[in-house]
Amino acid sequence: MNVYQKTAQTGTSKRQLEATLLMKAASRLKAVRDHWDIDQNDLVPALTYNRTLWTILSTSATEPDSMLPSDLKKNIALIAIFIFNRSIDLQIEP
């Protein structure tokens, strides 16, 4: 069962789920930044989580049957590309 099916069963909207997941990704990245001087081990897992989330969001948003306006689809895809590139940059040179 995918995440959206589970969400439908609990009554949480897709937007609420997306917001929650984006906040979780942001929180993980902020925790890495806040504890950088002490521990850098969480960088790759936090980047991977964020990149995975944006892969799912951008894939869903840009599917041919997506009802989102084309400008929004494009912007989501551009954000995802930025996230992917920045993640690689940070893994190469934290």
PDB file of N, CA and C in Angstrom:
ATOM      1  N   MET A   1       0.859  -1.186   0.000  1.00  0.00           N
ATOM      2  CA  MET A   1       0.000   0.000   0.000  1.00  0.00           C
ATOM      3  C   MET A   1       0.896   1.236   0.000  1.00  0.00           C
ATOM      4  N   ASN A   2       0.633   2.158  -0.915  1.00  0.00           N
ATOM      5  CA  ASN A   2       1.481   3.341  -0.970  1.00  0.00           C
ATOM      6  C   ASN A   2       1.048   4.395   0.045  1.00  0.00           C
ATOM      7  N   VAL A   3       1.873   5.413   0.166  1.00  0.00           N
ATOM      8  CA  VAL A   3       1.639   6.456   1.167  1.00  0.00           C
ATOM      9  C   VAL A   3       0.306   7.158   0.949  1.00  0.00           C
ATOM     10  N   TYR A   4      -0.042   7.434  -0.318  1.00  0.00           N
ATOM     11  CA  TYR A   4      -1.288   8.136  -0.587  1.00  0.00           C
ATOM     12  C   TYR A   4      -2.508   7.287  -0.233  1.00  0.00           C
ATOM     13  N   GLN A   5      -2.436   5.979  -0.445  1.00  0.00           N
ATOM     14  CA  GLN A   5      -3.544   5.104  -0.058  1.00  0.00           C
ATOM     15  C   GLN A   5      -3.707   5.091   1.457  1.00  0.00           C
ATOM     16  N   LYS A   6      -2.602   5.023   2.173  1.00  0.00           N
ATOM     17  CA  LYS A   6      -2.674   5.058   3.636  1.00  0.00           C
ATOM     18  C   LYS A   6      -3.270   6.372   4.107  1.00  0.00           C
ATOM     19  N   THR A   7      -2.881   7.462   3.438  1.00  0.00           N
ATOM     20  CA  THR A   7      -3.399   8.780   3.792  1.00  0.00           C
ATOM     21  C   THR A   7      -4.904   8.849   3.587  1.00  0.00           C
ATOM     22  N   ALA A   8      -5.370   8.307   2.484  1.00  0.00           N
ATOM     23  CA  ALA A   8      -6.804   8.326   2.202  1.00  0.00           C
ATOM     24  C   ALA A   8      -7.577   7.600   3.296  1.00  0.00           C
ATOM     25  N   GLN A   9      -6.990   6.548   3.837  1.00  0.00           N
ATOM     26  CA  GLN A   9      -7.665   5.788   4.884  1.00  0.00           C
ATOM     27  C   GLN A   9      -7.704   6.556   6.198  1.00  0.00           C
ATOM     28  N   THR A  10      -6.703   7.401   6.463  1.00  0.00           N
ATOM     29  CA  THR A  10      -6.667   8.127   7.727  1.00  0.00           C
ATOM     30  C   THR A  10      -7.384   9.460   7.651  1.00  0.00           C
ATOM     31  N   GLY A  11      -7.743   9.892   6.455  1.00  0.00           N
ATOM     32  CA  GLY A  11      -8.459  11.160   6.305  1.00  0.00           C
ATOM     33  C   GLY A  11      -7.535  12.357   6.151  1.00  0.00           C
ATOM     34  N   THR A  12      -6.241  12.156   6.126  1.00  0.00           N
ATOM     35  CA  THR A  12      -5.302  13.242   5.923  1.00  0.00           C
ATOM     36  C   THR A  12      -5.262  13.570   4.432  1.00  0.00           C
ATOM     37  N   SER A  13      -5.286  14.855   4.107  1.00  0.00           N
ATOM     38  CA  SER A  13      -5.260  15.231   2.695  1.00  0.00           C
ATOM     39  C   SER A  13      -3.854  15.075   2.129  1.00  0.00           C
ATOM     40  N   LYS A  14      -3.785  14.991   0.813  1.00  0.00           N
ATOM     41  CA  LYS A  14      -2.481  14.898   0.155  1.00  0.00           C
ATOM     42  C   LYS A  14      -1.625  16.117   0.479  1.00  0.00           C
ATOM     43  N   ARG A  15      -2.228  17.263   0.497  1.00  0.00           N
ATOM     44  CA  ARG A  15      -1.485  18.491   0.815  1.00  0.00           C
ATOM     45  C   ARG A  15      -0.936  18.459   2.228  1.00  0.00           C
ATOM     46  N   GLN A  16      -1.731  17.974   3.163  1.00  0.00           N
ATOM     47  CA  GLN A  16      -1.258  17.873   4.542  1.00  0.00           C
ATOM     48  C   GLN A  16      -0.092  16.896   4.640  1.00  0.00           C
ATOM     49  N   LEU A  17      -0.204  15.779   3.941  1.00  0.00           N
ATOM     50  CA  LEU A  17       0.868  14.792   3.943  1.00  0.00           C
ATOM     51  C   LEU A  17       2.136  15.383   3.332  1.00  0.00           C
ATOM     52  N   GLU A  18       2.005  16.030   2.194  1.00  0.00           N
ATOM     53  CA  GLU A  18       3.165  16.641   1.550  1.00  0.00           C
ATOM     54  C   GLU A  18       3.806  17.679   2.458  1.00  0.00           C
ATOM     55  N   ALA A  19       2.992  18.509   3.094  1.00  0.00           N
ATOM     56  CA  ALA A  19       3.525  19.525   4.001  1.00  0.00           C
ATOM     57  C   ALA A  19       4.264  18.874   5.168  1.00  0.00           C
ATOM     58  N   THR A  20       3.694  17.824   5.727  1.00  0.00           N
ATOM     59  CA  THR A  20       4.325  17.122   6.842  1.00  0.00           C
ATOM     60  C   THR A  20       5.668  16.538   6.425  1.00  0.00           C
ATOM     61  N   LEU A  21       5.706  15.908   5.262  1.00  0.00           N
ATOM     62  CA  LEU A  21       6.945  15.300   4.781  1.00  0.00           C
ATOM     63  C   LEU A  21       8.000  16.351   4.446  1.00  0.00           C
ATOM     64  N   LEU A  22       7.586  17.466   3.868  1.00  0.00           N
ATOM     65  CA  LEU A  22       8.533  18.549   3.581  1.00  0.00           C
ATOM     66  C   LEU A  22       9.080  19.156   4.874  1.00  0.00           C
ATOM     67  N   MET A  23       8.226  19.288   5.873  1.00  0.00           N
ATOM     68  CA  MET A  23       8.684  19.799   7.172  1.00  0.00           C
ATOM     69  C   MET A  23       9.664  18.823   7.822  1.00  0.00           C
ATOM     70  N   LYS A  24       9.410  17.533   7.680  1.00  0.00           N
ATOM     71  CA  LYS A  24      10.324  16.532   8.230  1.00  0.00           C
ATOM     72  C   LYS A  24      11.686  16.631   7.546  1.00  0.00           C
ATOM     73  N   ALA A  25      11.680  16.766   6.222  1.00  0.00           N
ATOM     74  CA  ALA A  25      12.941  16.895   5.486  1.00  0.00           C
ATOM     75  C   ALA A  25      13.691  18.150   5.916  1.00  0.00           C
ATOM     76  N   ALA A  26      12.979  19.261   6.031  1.00  0.00           N
ATOM     77  CA  ALA A  26      13.601  20.516   6.454  1.00  0.00           C
ATOM     78  C   ALA A  26      14.159  20.406   7.865  1.00  0.00           C
ATOM     79  N   SER A  27      13.415  19.745   8.734  1.00  0.00           N
ATOM     80  CA  SER A  27      13.861  19.563  10.115  1.00  0.00           C
ATOM     81  C   SER A  27      15.134  18.734  10.192  1.00  0.00           C
ATOM     82  N   ARG A  28      15.194  17.677   9.389  1.00  0.00           N
ATOM     83  CA  ARG A  28      16.394  16.837   9.366  1.00  0.00           C
ATOM     84  C   ARG A  28      17.601  17.622   8.858  1.00  0.00           C
ATOM     85  N   LEU A  29      17.410  18.408   7.809  1.00  0.00           N
ATOM     86  CA  LEU A  29      18.509  19.208   7.278  1.00  0.00           C
ATOM     87  C   LEU A  29      18.953  20.285   8.268  1.00  0.00           C
ATOM     88  N   LYS A  30      17.991  20.887   8.950  1.00  0.00           N
ATOM     89  CA  LYS A  30      18.323  21.896   9.954  1.00  0.00           C
ATOM     90  C   LYS A  30      19.074  21.279  11.120  1.00  0.00           C
ATOM     91  N   ALA A  31      18.691  20.086  11.530  1.00  0.00           N
ATOM     92  CA  ALA A  31      19.386  19.408  12.624  1.00  0.00           C
ATOM     93  C   ALA A  31      20.845  19.131  12.252  1.00  0.00           C
ATOM     94  N   VAL A  32      21.077  18.749  11.013  1.00  0.00           N
ATOM     95  CA  VAL A  32      22.452  18.535  10.548  1.00  0.00           C
ATOM     96  C   VAL A  32      23.235  19.838  10.643  1.00  0.00           C
ATOM     97  N   ARG A  33      22.630  20.913  10.151  1.00  0.00           N
ATOM     98  CA  ARG A  33      23.299  22.223  10.203  1.00  0.00           C
ATOM     99  C   ARG A  33      23.566  22.663  11.636  1.00  0.00           C
ATOM    100  N   ASP A  34      22.575  22.485  12.511  1.00  0.00           N
ATOM    101  CA  ASP A  34      22.707  22.933  13.901  1.00  0.00           C
ATOM    102  C   ASP A  34      23.758  22.158  14.681  1.00  0.00           C
ATOM    103  N   HIS A  35      24.014  20.912  14.293  1.00  0.00           N
ATOM    104  CA  HIS A  35      24.971  20.066  15.018  1.00  0.00           C
ATOM    105  C   HIS A  35      26.222  19.770  14.196  1.00  0.00           C
ATOM    106  N   TRP A  36      26.473  20.596  13.206  1.00  0.00           N
ATOM    107  CA  TRP A  36      27.573  20.354  12.272  1.00  0.00           C
ATOM    108  C   TRP A  36      28.923  20.220  12.979  1.00  0.00           C
ATOM    109  N   ASP A  37      29.176  21.068  13.971  1.00  0.00           N
ATOM    110  CA  ASP A  37      30.461  21.042  14.677  1.00  0.00           C
ATOM    111  C   ASP A  37      30.646  19.786  15.514  1.00  0.00           C
ATOM    112  N   ILE A  38      29.554  19.134  15.878  1.00  0.00           N
ATOM    113  CA  ILE A  38      29.603  17.961  16.751  1.00  0.00           C
ATOM    114  C   ILE A  38      29.546  16.664  15.963  1.00  0.00           C
ATOM    115  N   ASP A  39      28.631  16.592  14.998  1.00  0.00           N
ATOM    116  CA  ASP A  39      28.387  15.338  14.287  1.00  0.00           C
ATOM    117  C   ASP A  39      27.914  15.616  12.869  1.00  0.00           C
ATOM    118  N   GLN A  40      28.638  15.072  11.895  1.00  0.00           N
ATOM    119  CA  GLN A  40      28.284  15.266  10.493  1.00  0.00           C
ATOM    120  C   GLN A  40      27.738  13.984   9.864  1.00  0.00           C
ATOM    121  N   ASN A  41      27.535  12.958  10.666  1.00  0.00           N
ATOM    122  CA  ASN A  41      27.108  11.652  10.148  1.00  0.00           C
ATOM    123  C   ASN A  41      25.697  11.632   9.576  1.00  0.00           C
ATOM    124  N   ASP A  42      24.880  12.584   9.942  1.00  0.00           N
ATOM    125  CA  ASP A  42      23.490  12.585   9.473  1.00  0.00           C
ATOM    126  C   ASP A  42      23.301  13.329   8.155  1.00  0.00           C
ATOM    127  N   LEU A  43      24.379  13.889   7.605  1.00  0.00           N
ATOM    128  CA  LEU A  43      24.251  14.665   6.376  1.00  0.00           C
ATOM    129  C   LEU A  43      23.719  13.820   5.217  1.00  0.00           C
ATOM    130  N   VAL A  44      24.371  12.723   4.916  1.00  0.00           N
ATOM    131  CA  VAL A  44      23.968  11.909   3.761  1.00  0.00           C
ATOM    132  C   VAL A  44      22.554  11.348   3.932  1.00  0.00           C
ATOM    133  N   PRO A  45      22.189  10.796   5.099  1.00  0.00           N
ATOM    134  CA  PRO A  45      20.801  10.331   5.244  1.00  0.00           C
ATOM    135  C   PRO A  45      19.765  11.456   5.097  1.00  0.00           C
ATOM    136  N   ALA A  46      20.070  12.645   5.607  1.00  0.00           N
ATOM    137  CA  ALA A  46      19.134  13.766   5.485  1.00  0.00           C
ATOM    138  C   ALA A  46      19.004  14.209   4.028  1.00  0.00           C
ATOM    139  N   LEU A  47      20.118  14.266   3.319  1.00  0.00           N
ATOM    140  CA  LEU A  47      20.079  14.630   1.900  1.00  0.00           C
ATOM    141  C   LEU A  47      19.347  13.572   1.086  1.00  0.00           C
ATOM    142  N   THR A  48      19.583  12.322   1.409  1.00  0.00           N
ATOM    143  CA  THR A  48      18.923  11.225   0.694  1.00  0.00           C
ATOM    144  C   THR A  48      17.418  11.273   0.909  1.00  0.00           C
ATOM    145  N   TYR A  49      16.989  11.496   2.150  1.00  0.00           N
ATOM    146  CA  TYR A  49      15.558  11.607   2.450  1.00  0.00           C
ATOM    147  C   TYR A  49      14.939  12.748   1.646  1.00  0.00           C
ATOM    148  N   ASN A  50      15.586  13.908   1.654  1.00  0.00           N
ATOM    149  CA  ASN A  50      15.073  15.073   0.939  1.00  0.00           C
ATOM    150  C   ASN A  50      15.015  14.820  -0.562  1.00  0.00           C
ATOM    151  N   ARG A  51      16.068  14.224  -1.099  1.00  0.00           N
ATOM    152  CA  ARG A  51      16.113  13.929  -2.537  1.00  0.00           C
ATOM    153  C   ARG A  51      15.041  12.910  -2.922  1.00  0.00           C
ATOM    154  N   THR A  52      14.838  11.911  -2.094  1.00  0.00           N
ATOM    155  CA  THR A  52      13.799  10.914  -2.351  1.00  0.00           C
ATOM    156  C   THR A  52      12.416  11.559  -2.341  1.00  0.00           C
ATOM    157  N   LEU A  53      12.186  12.403  -1.362  1.00  0.00           N
ATOM    158  CA  LEU A  53      10.907  13.109  -1.271  1.00  0.00           C
ATOM    159  C   LEU A  53      10.666  13.949  -2.525  1.00  0.00           C
ATOM    160  N   TRP A  54      11.664  14.688  -2.967  1.00  0.00           N
ATOM    161  CA  TRP A  54      11.507  15.524  -4.155  1.00  0.00           C
ATOM    162  C   TRP A  54      11.385  14.697  -5.431  1.00  0.00           C
ATOM    163  N   THR A  55      11.974  13.518  -5.444  1.00  0.00           N
ATOM    164  CA  THR A  55      11.783  12.617  -6.580  1.00  0.00           C
ATOM    165  C   THR A  55      10.317  12.213  -6.689  1.00  0.00           C
ATOM    166  N   ILE A  56       9.742  11.856  -5.558  1.00  0.00           N
ATOM    167  CA  ILE A  56       8.326  11.452  -5.529  1.00  0.00           C
ATOM    168  C   ILE A  56       7.422  12.623  -5.887  1.00  0.00           C
ATOM    169  N   LEU A  57       7.677  13.774  -5.276  1.00  0.00           N
ATOM    170  CA  LEU A  57       6.837  14.949  -5.546  1.00  0.00           C
ATOM    171  C   LEU A  57       6.909  15.367  -7.015  1.00  0.00           C
ATOM    172  N   SER A  58       8.120  15.436  -7.549  1.00  0.00           N
ATOM    173  CA  SER A  58       8.255  15.903  -8.928  1.00  0.00           C
ATOM    174  C   SER A  58       7.711  14.889  -9.928  1.00  0.00           C
ATOM    175  N   THR A  59       7.897  13.614  -9.655  1.00  0.00           N
ATOM    176  CA  THR A  59       7.355  12.584 -10.539  1.00  0.00           C
ATOM    177  C   THR A  59       5.836  12.640 -10.554  1.00  0.00           C
ATOM    178  N   SER A  60       5.258  12.758  -9.386  1.00  0.00           N
ATOM    179  CA  SER A  60       3.799  12.827  -9.287  1.00  0.00           C
ATOM    180  C   SER A  60       3.257  14.091  -9.959  1.00  0.00           C
ATOM    181  N   ALA A  61       3.920  15.207  -9.719  1.00  0.00           N
ATOM    182  CA  ALA A  61       3.436  16.483 -10.252  1.00  0.00           C
ATOM    183  C   ALA A  61       3.542  16.570 -11.763  1.00  0.00           C
ATOM    184  N   THR A  62       4.525  15.920 -12.339  1.00  0.00           N
ATOM    185  CA  THR A  62       4.761  16.071 -13.775  1.00  0.00           C
ATOM    186  C   THR A  62       4.202  14.928 -14.619  1.00  0.00           C
ATOM    187  N   GLU A  63       3.487  14.019 -14.010  1.00  0.00           N
ATOM    188  CA  GLU A  63       2.857  12.946 -14.784  1.00  0.00           C
ATOM    189  C   GLU A  63       1.851  13.553 -15.761  1.00  0.00           C
ATOM    190  N   PRO A  64       1.685  12.936 -16.919  1.00  0.00           N
ATOM    191  CA  PRO A  64       0.760  13.478 -17.922  1.00  0.00           C
ATOM    192  C   PRO A  64      -0.666  13.677 -17.408  1.00  0.00           C
ATOM    193  N   ASP A  65      -1.115  12.828 -16.501  1.00  0.00           N
ATOM    194  CA  ASP A  65      -2.488  12.957 -16.012  1.00  0.00           C
ATOM    195  C   ASP A  65      -2.610  13.887 -14.795  1.00  0.00           C
ATOM    196  N   SER A  66      -1.509  14.531 -14.407  1.00  0.00           N
ATOM    197  CA  SER A  66      -1.555  15.485 -13.303  1.00  0.00           C
ATOM    198  C   SER A  66      -2.430  16.665 -13.687  1.00  0.00           C
ATOM    199  N   MET A  67      -3.264  17.096 -12.771  1.00  0.00           N
ATOM    200  CA  MET A  67      -4.183  18.192 -13.046  1.00  0.00           C
ATOM    201  C   MET A  67      -3.593  19.555 -12.676  1.00  0.00           C
ATOM    202  N   LEU A  68      -2.321  19.577 -12.304  1.00  0.00           N
ATOM    203  CA  LEU A  68      -1.679  20.844 -11.948  1.00  0.00           C
ATOM    204  C   LEU A  68      -1.472  21.691 -13.200  1.00  0.00           C
ATOM    205  N   PRO A  69      -1.508  23.018 -13.032  1.00  0.00           N
ATOM    206  CA  PRO A  69      -1.215  23.894 -14.168  1.00  0.00           C
ATOM    207  C   PRO A  69       0.218  23.656 -14.658  1.00  0.00           C
ATOM    208  N   SER A  70       0.433  23.844 -15.950  1.00  0.00           N
ATOM    209  CA  SER A  70       1.750  23.542 -16.532  1.00  0.00           C
ATOM    210  C   SER A  70       2.871  24.381 -15.914  1.00  0.00           C
ATOM    211  N   ASP A  71       2.596  25.626 -15.554  1.00  0.00           N
ATOM    212  CA  ASP A  71       3.620  26.460 -14.910  1.00  0.00           C
ATOM    213  C   ASP A  71       4.033  25.878 -13.558  1.00  0.00           C
ATOM    214  N   LEU A  72       3.068  25.380 -12.811  1.00  0.00           N
ATOM    215  CA  LEU A  72       3.366  24.784 -11.511  1.00  0.00           C
ATOM    216  C   LEU A  72       4.157  23.492 -11.680  1.00  0.00           C
ATOM    217  N   LYS A  73       3.772  22.684 -12.659  1.00  0.00           N
ATOM    218  CA  LYS A  73       4.524  21.458 -12.953  1.00  0.00           C
ATOM    219  C   LYS A  73       5.985  21.793 -13.246  1.00  0.00           C
ATOM    220  N   LYS A  74       6.178  22.802 -14.089  1.00  0.00           N
ATOM    221  CA  LYS A  74       7.529  23.209 -14.461  1.00  0.00           C
ATOM    222  C   LYS A  74       8.312  23.680 -13.245  1.00  0.00           C
ATOM    223  N   ASN A  75       7.694  24.493 -12.404  1.00  0.00           N
ATOM    224  CA  ASN A  75       8.375  25.016 -11.219  1.00  0.00           C
ATOM    225  C   ASN A  75       8.743  23.900 -10.243  1.00  0.00           C
ATOM    226  N   ILE A  76       7.863  22.943 -10.056  1.00  0.00           N
ATOM    227  CA  ILE A  76       8.166  21.816  -9.177  1.00  0.00           C
ATOM    228  C   ILE A  76       9.340  21.021  -9.742  1.00  0.00           C
ATOM    229  N   ALA A  77       9.352  20.796 -11.044  1.00  0.00           N
ATOM    230  CA  ALA A  77      10.458  20.078 -11.678  1.00  0.00           C
ATOM    231  C   ALA A  77      11.771  20.845 -11.518  1.00  0.00           C
ATOM    232  N   LEU A  78      11.734  22.160 -11.670  1.00  0.00           N
ATOM    233  CA  LEU A  78      12.940  22.969 -11.515  1.00  0.00           C
ATOM    234  C   LEU A  78      13.458  22.951 -10.082  1.00  0.00           C
ATOM    235  N   ILE A  79      12.554  22.995  -9.115  1.00  0.00           N
ATOM    236  CA  ILE A  79      12.969  22.894  -7.713  1.00  0.00           C
ATOM    237  C   ILE A  79      13.618  21.538  -7.464  1.00  0.00           C
ATOM    238  N   ALA A  80      13.022  20.488  -7.992  1.00  0.00           N
ATOM    239  CA  ALA A  80      13.574  19.145  -7.805  1.00  0.00           C
ATOM    240  C   ALA A  80      14.976  19.049  -8.405  1.00  0.00           C
ATOM    241  N   ILE A  81      15.167  19.597  -9.582  1.00  0.00           N
ATOM    242  CA  ILE A  81      16.493  19.582 -10.212  1.00  0.00           C
ATOM    243  C   ILE A  81      17.491  20.343  -9.346  1.00  0.00           C
ATOM    244  N   PHE A  82      17.079  21.480  -8.821  1.00  0.00           N
ATOM    245  CA  PHE A  82      17.955  22.245  -7.923  1.00  0.00           C
ATOM    246  C   PHE A  82      18.323  21.403  -6.700  1.00  0.00           C
ATOM    247  N   ILE A  83      17.335  20.746  -6.099  1.00  0.00           N
ATOM    248  CA  ILE A  83      17.573  19.903  -4.924  1.00  0.00           C
ATOM    249  C   ILE A  83      18.563  18.791  -5.261  1.00  0.00           C
ATOM    250  N   PHE A  84      18.369  18.133  -6.389  1.00  0.00           N
ATOM    251  CA  PHE A  84      19.270  17.045  -6.785  1.00  0.00           C
ATOM    252  C   PHE A  84      20.701  17.559  -6.942  1.00  0.00           C
ATOM    253  N   ASN A  85      20.857  18.662  -7.670  1.00  0.00           N
ATOM    254  CA  ASN A  85      22.191  19.220  -7.894  1.00  0.00           C
ATOM    255  C   ASN A  85      22.848  19.689  -6.602  1.00  0.00           C
ATOM    256  N   ARG A  86      22.079  20.368  -5.767  1.00  0.00           N
ATOM    257  CA  ARG A  86      22.633  20.866  -4.492  1.00  0.00           C
ATOM    258  C   ARG A  86      23.000  19.713  -3.574  1.00  0.00           C
ATOM    259  N   SER A  87      22.218  18.656  -3.585  1.00  0.00           N
ATOM    260  CA  SER A  87      22.531  17.478  -2.760  1.00  0.00           C
ATOM    261  C   SER A  87      23.866  16.866  -3.168  1.00  0.00           C
ATOM    262  N   ILE A  88      24.072  16.760  -4.468  1.00  0.00           N
ATOM    263  CA  ILE A  88      25.339  16.222  -4.962  1.00  0.00           C
ATOM    264  C   ILE A  88      26.495  17.132  -4.556  1.00  0.00           C
ATOM    265  N   ASP A  89      26.313  18.440  -4.724  1.00  0.00           N
ATOM    266  CA  ASP A  89      27.348  19.399  -4.324  1.00  0.00           C
ATOM    267  C   ASP A  89      27.704  19.250  -2.843  1.00  0.00           C
ATOM    268  N   LEU A  90      26.682  19.114  -2.004  1.00  0.00           N
ATOM    269  CA  LEU A  90      26.920  19.004  -0.561  1.00  0.00           C
ATOM    270  C   LEU A  90      27.581  17.690  -0.166  1.00  0.00           C
ATOM    271  N   GLN A  91      27.301  16.646  -0.909  1.00  0.00           N
ATOM    272  CA  GLN A  91      27.951  15.373  -0.617  1.00  0.00           C
ATOM    273  C   GLN A  91      29.417  15.410  -1.053  1.00  0.00           C
ATOM    274  N   ILE A  92      29.701  16.117  -2.121  1.00  0.00           N
ATOM    275  CA  ILE A  92      31.079  16.230  -2.597  1.00  0.00           C
ATOM    276  C   ILE A  92      31.890  17.146  -1.676  1.00  0.00           C
ATOM    277  N   GLU A  93      31.292  18.287  -1.342  1.00  0.00           N
ATOM    278  CA  GLU A  93      31.992  19.258  -0.498  1.00  0.00           C
ATOM    279  C   GLU A  93      31.036  19.830   0.555  1.00  0.00           C
ATOM    280  N   PRO A  94      30.945  19.128   1.685  1.00  0.00           N
ATOM    281  CA  PRO A  94      30.019  19.564   2.744  1.00  0.00           C
ATOM    282  C   PRO A  94      30.400  20.926   3.289  1.00  0.00           C
TER     283      PRO A  94
END
